[in-house]
PDB file of N, CA and C in Angstrom:
ATOM      1  N   UNK A   1      60.540 -74.849  12.378  1.00  0.00           N
ATOM      2  CA  UNK A   1      59.872 -75.643  11.364  1.00  0.00           C
ATOM      3  C   UNK A   1      60.840 -76.720  10.877  1.00  0.00           C
ATOM      4  N   UNK A   2      60.310 -77.883  10.660  1.00  0.00           N
ATOM      5  CA  UNK A   2      61.094 -79.005  10.148  1.00  0.00           C
ATOM      6  C   UNK A   2      60.342 -79.617   8.977  1.00  0.00           C
ATOM      7  N   UNK A   3      61.082 -79.964   7.954  1.00  0.00           N
ATOM      8  CA  UNK A   3      60.486 -80.614   6.787  1.00  0.00           C
ATOM      9  C   UNK A   3      60.659 -82.116   6.955  1.00  0.00           C
ATOM     10  N   UNK A   4      59.561 -82.848   6.877  1.00  0.00           N
ATOM     11  CA  UNK A   4      59.561 -84.301   7.112  1.00  0.00           C
ATOM     12  C   UNK A   4      59.769 -85.092   5.822  1.00  0.00           C
ATOM     13  N   UNK A   5      60.591 -84.569   4.939  1.00  0.00           N
ATOM     14  CA  UNK A   5      60.783 -85.222   3.644  1.00  0.00           C
ATOM     15  C   UNK A   5      61.445 -86.583   3.789  1.00  0.00           C
ATOM     16  N   UNK A   6      62.377 -86.710   4.701  1.00  0.00           N
ATOM     17  CA  UNK A   6      63.064 -87.995   4.892  1.00  0.00           C
ATOM     18  C   UNK A   6      62.057 -89.097   5.208  1.00  0.00           C
ATOM     19  N   UNK A   7      61.132 -88.815   6.120  1.00  0.00           N
ATOM     20  CA  UNK A   7      60.127 -89.804   6.505  1.00  0.00           C
ATOM     21  C   UNK A   7      59.215 -90.158   5.330  1.00  0.00           C
ATOM     22  N   UNK A   8      58.801 -89.135   4.586  1.00  0.00           N
ATOM     23  CA  UNK A   8      57.924 -89.359   3.430  1.00  0.00           C
ATOM     24  C   UNK A   8      58.639 -90.217   2.388  1.00  0.00           C
ATOM     25  N   UNK A   9      59.903 -89.916   2.138  1.00  0.00           N
ATOM     26  CA  UNK A   9      60.668 -90.689   1.157  1.00  0.00           C
ATOM     27  C   UNK A   9      60.839 -92.136   1.603  1.00  0.00           C
ATOM     28  N   UNK A  10      61.118 -92.344   2.887  1.00  0.00           N
ATOM     29  CA  UNK A  10      61.269 -93.712   3.405  1.00  0.00           C
ATOM     30  C   UNK A  10      59.974 -94.497   3.250  1.00  0.00           C
ATOM     31  N   UNK A  11      58.842 -93.862   3.551  1.00  0.00           N
ATOM     32  CA  UNK A  11      57.538 -94.527   3.411  1.00  0.00           C
ATOM     33  C   UNK A  11      57.293 -94.975   1.974  1.00  0.00           C
ATOM     34  N   UNK A  12      57.807 -94.209   1.020  1.00  0.00           N
ATOM     35  CA  UNK A  12      57.560 -94.483  -0.394  1.00  0.00           C
ATOM     36  C   UNK A  12      58.714 -95.215  -1.071  1.00  0.00           C
ATOM     37  N   UNK A  13      59.750 -95.533  -0.306  1.00  0.00           N
ATOM     38  CA  UNK A  13      60.887 -96.258  -0.862  1.00  0.00           C
ATOM     39  C   UNK A  13      61.694 -95.461  -1.868  1.00  0.00           C
ATOM     40  N   UNK A  14      61.769 -94.151  -1.677  1.00  0.00           N
ATOM     41  CA  UNK A  14      62.492 -93.290  -2.611  1.00  0.00           C
ATOM     42  C   UNK A  14      63.864 -92.912  -2.074  1.00  0.00           C
ATOM     43  N   UNK A  15      64.815 -92.831  -2.969  1.00  0.00           N
ATOM     44  CA  UNK A  15      66.136 -92.311  -2.622  1.00  0.00           C
ATOM     45  C   UNK A  15      66.183 -90.832  -3.004  1.00  0.00           C
ATOM     46  N   UNK A  16      67.183 -90.148  -2.488  1.00  0.00           N
ATOM     47  CA  UNK A  16      67.367 -88.746  -2.856  1.00  0.00           C
ATOM     48  C   UNK A  16      67.622 -88.620  -4.355  1.00  0.00           C
ATOM     49  N   UNK A  17      68.402 -89.517  -4.890  1.00  0.00           N
ATOM     50  CA  UNK A  17      68.707 -89.482  -6.328  1.00  0.00           C
ATOM     51  C   UNK A  17      67.451 -89.666  -7.167  1.00  0.00           C
ATOM     52  N   UNK A  18      66.606 -90.599  -6.767  1.00  0.00           N
ATOM     53  CA  UNK A  18      65.371 -90.853  -7.511  1.00  0.00           C
ATOM     54  C   UNK A  18      64.442 -89.646  -7.438  1.00  0.00           C
ATOM     55  N   UNK A  19      64.316 -89.040  -6.239  1.00  0.00           N
ATOM     56  CA  UNK A  19      63.457 -87.865  -6.109  1.00  0.00           C
ATOM     57  C   UNK A  19      64.012 -86.711  -6.938  1.00  0.00           C
ATOM     58  N   UNK A  20      65.318 -86.557  -6.960  1.00  0.00           N
ATOM     59  CA  UNK A  20      65.936 -85.515  -7.782  1.00  0.00           C
ATOM     60  C   UNK A  20      65.606 -85.736  -9.256  1.00  0.00           C
ATOM     61  N   UNK A  21      65.688 -86.973  -9.690  1.00  0.00           N
ATOM     62  CA  UNK A  21      65.364 -87.323 -11.078  1.00  0.00           C
ATOM     63  C   UNK A  21      63.897 -87.031 -11.382  1.00  0.00           C
ATOM     64  N   UNK A  22      63.016 -87.367 -10.460  1.00  0.00           N
ATOM     65  CA  UNK A  22      61.577 -87.179 -10.655  1.00  0.00           C
ATOM     66  C   UNK A  22      61.176 -85.705 -10.683  1.00  0.00           C
ATOM     67  N   UNK A  23      61.875 -84.875  -9.896  1.00  0.00           N
ATOM     68  CA  UNK A  23      61.482 -83.475  -9.738  1.00  0.00           C
ATOM     69  C   UNK A  23      62.299 -82.499 -10.568  1.00  0.00           C
ATOM     70  N   UNK A  24      63.506 -82.907 -10.970  1.00  0.00           N
ATOM     71  CA  UNK A  24      64.390 -81.982 -11.663  1.00  0.00           C
ATOM     72  C   UNK A  24      65.138 -81.057 -10.717  1.00  0.00           C
ATOM     73  N   UNK A  25      65.032 -81.318  -9.419  1.00  0.00           N
ATOM     74  CA  UNK A  25      65.744 -80.536  -8.403  1.00  0.00           C
ATOM     75  C   UNK A  25      67.084 -81.224  -8.149  1.00  0.00           C
ATOM     76  N   UNK A  26      68.148 -80.424  -8.029  1.00  0.00           N
ATOM     77  CA  UNK A  26      69.478 -81.002  -7.807  1.00  0.00           C
ATOM     78  C   UNK A  26      69.474 -81.921  -6.586  1.00  0.00           C
ATOM     79  N   UNK A  27      70.205 -83.020  -6.677  1.00  0.00           N
ATOM     80  CA  UNK A  27      70.285 -83.966  -5.565  1.00  0.00           C
ATOM     81  C   UNK A  27      70.862 -83.296  -4.329  1.00  0.00           C
ATOM     82  N   UNK A  28      71.806 -82.385  -4.503  1.00  0.00           N
ATOM     83  CA  UNK A  28      72.399 -81.673  -3.360  1.00  0.00           C
ATOM     84  C   UNK A  28      71.340 -80.849  -2.630  1.00  0.00           C
ATOM     85  N   UNK A  29      70.436 -80.230  -3.379  1.00  0.00           N
ATOM     86  CA  UNK A  29      69.356 -79.449  -2.762  1.00  0.00           C
ATOM     87  C   UNK A  29      68.391 -80.376  -2.026  1.00  0.00           C
ATOM     88  N   UNK A  30      68.081 -81.525  -2.625  1.00  0.00           N
ATOM     89  CA  UNK A  30      67.222 -82.520  -1.963  1.00  0.00           C
ATOM     90  C   UNK A  30      67.869 -82.953  -0.654  1.00  0.00           C
ATOM     91  N   UNK A  31      69.169 -83.204  -0.672  1.00  0.00           N
ATOM     92  CA  UNK A  31      69.892 -83.622   0.526  1.00  0.00           C
ATOM     93  C   UNK A  31      69.787 -82.574   1.629  1.00  0.00           C
ATOM     94  N   UNK A  32      69.959 -81.312   1.273  1.00  0.00           N
ATOM     95  CA  UNK A  32      69.852 -80.239   2.264  1.00  0.00           C
ATOM     96  C   UNK A  32      68.451 -80.175   2.859  1.00  0.00           C
ATOM     97  N   UNK A  33      67.440 -80.375   2.034  1.00  0.00           N
ATOM     98  CA  UNK A  33      66.055 -80.354   2.522  1.00  0.00           C
ATOM     99  C   UNK A  33      65.809 -81.555   3.433  1.00  0.00           C
ATOM    100  N   UNK A  34      66.219 -82.731   2.991  1.00  0.00           N
ATOM    101  CA  UNK A  34      66.026 -83.962   3.765  1.00  0.00           C
ATOM    102  C   UNK A  34      66.679 -83.854   5.138  1.00  0.00           C
ATOM    103  N   UNK A  35      67.867 -83.266   5.172  1.00  0.00           N
ATOM    104  CA  UNK A  35      68.624 -83.159   6.422  1.00  0.00           C
ATOM    105  C   UNK A  35      68.361 -81.861   7.176  1.00  0.00           C
ATOM    106  N   UNK A  36      67.367 -81.100   6.707  1.00  0.00           N
ATOM    107  CA  UNK A  36      66.987 -79.834   7.341  1.00  0.00           C
ATOM    108  C   UNK A  36      68.199 -78.935   7.579  1.00  0.00           C
ATOM    109  N   UNK A  37      69.012 -78.786   6.552  1.00  0.00           N
ATOM    110  CA  UNK A  37      70.217 -77.958   6.634  1.00  0.00           C
ATOM    111  C   UNK A  37      70.052 -76.608   5.957  1.00  0.00           C
ATOM    112  N   UNK A  38      68.846 -76.238   5.626  1.00  0.00           N
ATOM    113  CA  UNK A  38      68.614 -74.974   4.937  1.00  0.00           C
ATOM    114  C   UNK A  38      67.994 -73.971   5.894  1.00  0.00           C
ATOM    115  N   UNK A  39      68.477 -72.738   5.818  1.00  0.00           N
ATOM    116  CA  UNK A  39      67.887 -71.668   6.622  1.00  0.00           C
ATOM    117  C   UNK A  39      66.599 -71.173   5.979  1.00  0.00           C
ATOM    118  N   UNK A  40      66.558 -71.231   4.663  1.00  0.00           N
ATOM    119  CA  UNK A  40      65.358 -70.846   3.920  1.00  0.00           C
ATOM    120  C   UNK A  40      65.015 -71.999   2.988  1.00  0.00           C
ATOM    121  N   UNK A  41      63.766 -72.034   2.584  1.00  0.00           N
ATOM    122  CA  UNK A  41      63.343 -73.081   1.663  1.00  0.00           C
ATOM    123  C   UNK A  41      62.753 -72.432   0.418  1.00  0.00           C
ATOM    124  N   UNK A  42      63.123 -72.940  -0.715  1.00  0.00           N
ATOM    125  CA  UNK A  42      62.589 -72.453  -1.971  1.00  0.00           C
ATOM    126  C   UNK A  42      61.161 -72.991  -2.099  1.00  0.00           C
ATOM    127  N   UNK A  43      60.186 -72.076  -2.086  1.00  0.00           N
ATOM    128  CA  UNK A  43      58.781 -72.492  -2.146  1.00  0.00           C
ATOM    129  C   UNK A  43      58.496 -73.295  -3.418  1.00  0.00           C
ATOM    130  N   UNK A  44      59.109 -72.911  -4.515  1.00  0.00           N
ATOM    131  CA  UNK A  44      58.900 -73.639  -5.774  1.00  0.00           C
ATOM    132  C   UNK A  44      59.396 -75.079  -5.652  1.00  0.00           C
ATOM    133  N   UNK A  45      60.523 -75.280  -4.967  1.00  0.00           N
ATOM    134  CA  UNK A  45      61.026 -76.643  -4.750  1.00  0.00           C
ATOM    135  C   UNK A  45      60.033 -77.441  -3.920  1.00  0.00           C
ATOM    136  N   UNK A  46      59.539 -76.832  -2.844  1.00  0.00           N
ATOM    137  CA  UNK A  46      58.590 -77.526  -1.980  1.00  0.00           C
ATOM    138  C   UNK A  46      57.306 -77.864  -2.740  1.00  0.00           C
ATOM    139  N   UNK A  47      56.833 -76.928  -3.550  1.00  0.00           N
ATOM    140  CA  UNK A  47      55.633 -77.181  -4.359  1.00  0.00           C
ATOM    141  C   UNK A  47      55.872 -78.315  -5.354  1.00  0.00           C
ATOM    142  N   UNK A  48      57.035 -78.321  -5.997  1.00  0.00           N
ATOM    143  CA  UNK A  48      57.367 -79.369  -6.967  1.00  0.00           C
ATOM    144  C   UNK A  48      57.431 -80.734  -6.296  1.00  0.00           C
ATOM    145  N   UNK A  49      58.071 -80.792  -5.136  1.00  0.00           N
ATOM    146  CA  UNK A  49      58.168 -82.052  -4.391  1.00  0.00           C
ATOM    147  C   UNK A  49      56.778 -82.533  -4.005  1.00  0.00           C
ATOM    148  N   UNK A  50      55.954 -81.634  -3.477  1.00  0.00           N
ATOM    149  CA  UNK A  50      54.601 -82.018  -3.064  1.00  0.00           C
ATOM    150  C   UNK A  50      53.780 -82.502  -4.257  1.00  0.00           C
ATOM    151  N   UNK A  51      53.862 -81.796  -5.371  1.00  0.00           N
ATOM    152  CA  UNK A  51      53.113 -82.201  -6.563  1.00  0.00           C
ATOM    153  C   UNK A  51      53.577 -83.573  -7.051  1.00  0.00           C
ATOM    154  N   UNK A  52      54.882 -83.771  -7.110  1.00  0.00           N
ATOM    155  CA  UNK A  52      55.445 -85.035  -7.582  1.00  0.00           C
ATOM    156  C   UNK A  52      55.031 -86.201  -6.692  1.00  0.00           C
ATOM    157  N   UNK A  53      55.020 -85.968  -5.377  1.00  0.00           N
ATOM    158  CA  UNK A  53      54.686 -87.031  -4.422  1.00  0.00           C
ATOM    159  C   UNK A  53      53.193 -87.086  -4.101  1.00  0.00           C
ATOM    160  N   UNK A  54      52.414 -86.268  -4.814  1.00  0.00           N
ATOM    161  CA  UNK A  54      50.960 -86.207  -4.634  1.00  0.00           C
ATOM    162  C   UNK A  54      50.584 -85.881  -3.188  1.00  0.00           C
ATOM    163  N   UNK A  55      51.320 -84.935  -2.611  1.00  0.00           N
ATOM    164  CA  UNK A  55      51.020 -84.427  -1.278  1.00  0.00           C
ATOM    165  C   UNK A  55      50.127 -83.214  -1.469  1.00  0.00           C
ATOM    166  N   UNK A  56      48.952 -83.245  -0.878  1.00  0.00           N
ATOM    167  CA  UNK A  56      47.947 -82.221  -1.140  1.00  0.00           C
ATOM    168  C   UNK A  56      48.137 -80.939  -0.335  1.00  0.00           C
ATOM    169  N   UNK A  57      48.789 -81.033   0.821  1.00  0.00           N
ATOM    170  CA  UNK A  57      48.938 -79.873   1.692  1.00  0.00           C
ATOM    171  C   UNK A  57      50.345 -79.839   2.278  1.00  0.00           C
ATOM    172  N   UNK A  58      50.897 -78.635   2.408  1.00  0.00           N
ATOM    173  CA  UNK A  58      52.210 -78.494   3.039  1.00  0.00           C
ATOM    174  C   UNK A  58      52.192 -79.066   4.451  1.00  0.00           C
ATOM    175  N   UNK A  59      51.029 -79.069   5.099  1.00  0.00           N
ATOM    176  CA  UNK A  59      50.920 -79.591   6.465  1.00  0.00           C
ATOM    177  C   UNK A  59      51.335 -81.060   6.554  1.00  0.00           C
ATOM    178  N   UNK A  60      51.221 -81.782   5.454  1.00  0.00           N
ATOM    179  CA  UNK A  60      51.599 -83.195   5.445  1.00  0.00           C
ATOM    180  C   UNK A  60      53.116 -83.387   5.474  1.00  0.00           C
ATOM    181  N   UNK A  61      53.849 -82.357   5.121  1.00  0.00           N
ATOM    182  CA  UNK A  61      55.301 -82.484   5.014  1.00  0.00           C
ATOM    183  C   UNK A  61      56.043 -81.547   5.970  1.00  0.00           C
ATOM    184  N   UNK A  62      55.324 -80.607   6.576  1.00  0.00           N
ATOM    185  CA  UNK A  62      55.942 -79.664   7.503  1.00  0.00           C
ATOM    186  C   UNK A  62      55.558 -79.983   8.933  1.00  0.00           C
ATOM    187  N   UNK A  63      56.516 -79.786   9.825  1.00  0.00           N
ATOM    188  CA  UNK A  63      56.269 -79.973  11.256  1.00  0.00           C
ATOM    189  C   UNK A  63      56.706 -78.688  11.947  1.00  0.00           C
ATOM    190  N   UNK A  64      55.827 -78.142  12.750  1.00  0.00           N
ATOM    191  CA  UNK A  64      56.125 -76.892  13.443  1.00  0.00           C
ATOM    192  C   UNK A  64      56.662 -77.196  14.823  1.00  0.00           C
ATOM    193  N   UNK A  65      57.800 -76.598  15.151  1.00  0.00           N
ATOM    194  CA  UNK A  65      58.441 -76.814  16.459  1.00  0.00           C
ATOM    195  C   UNK A  65      57.640 -76.186  17.578  1.00  0.00           C
TER     196      UNK A  65
END
């Protein structure tokens, strides 16, 4: 599984710092998600990001290998 957050952020002109500010999630955690460096993902973080970016379904941000 890969999280397509980098692509979504680029489409919307968002930086990691700005998304961190908008969501209240640490910028370091955003960086790990963007770069797919996490073995596990905090569901609450993913839900917060999706809600903030008005993403209706996890399918819009997740890619299955």
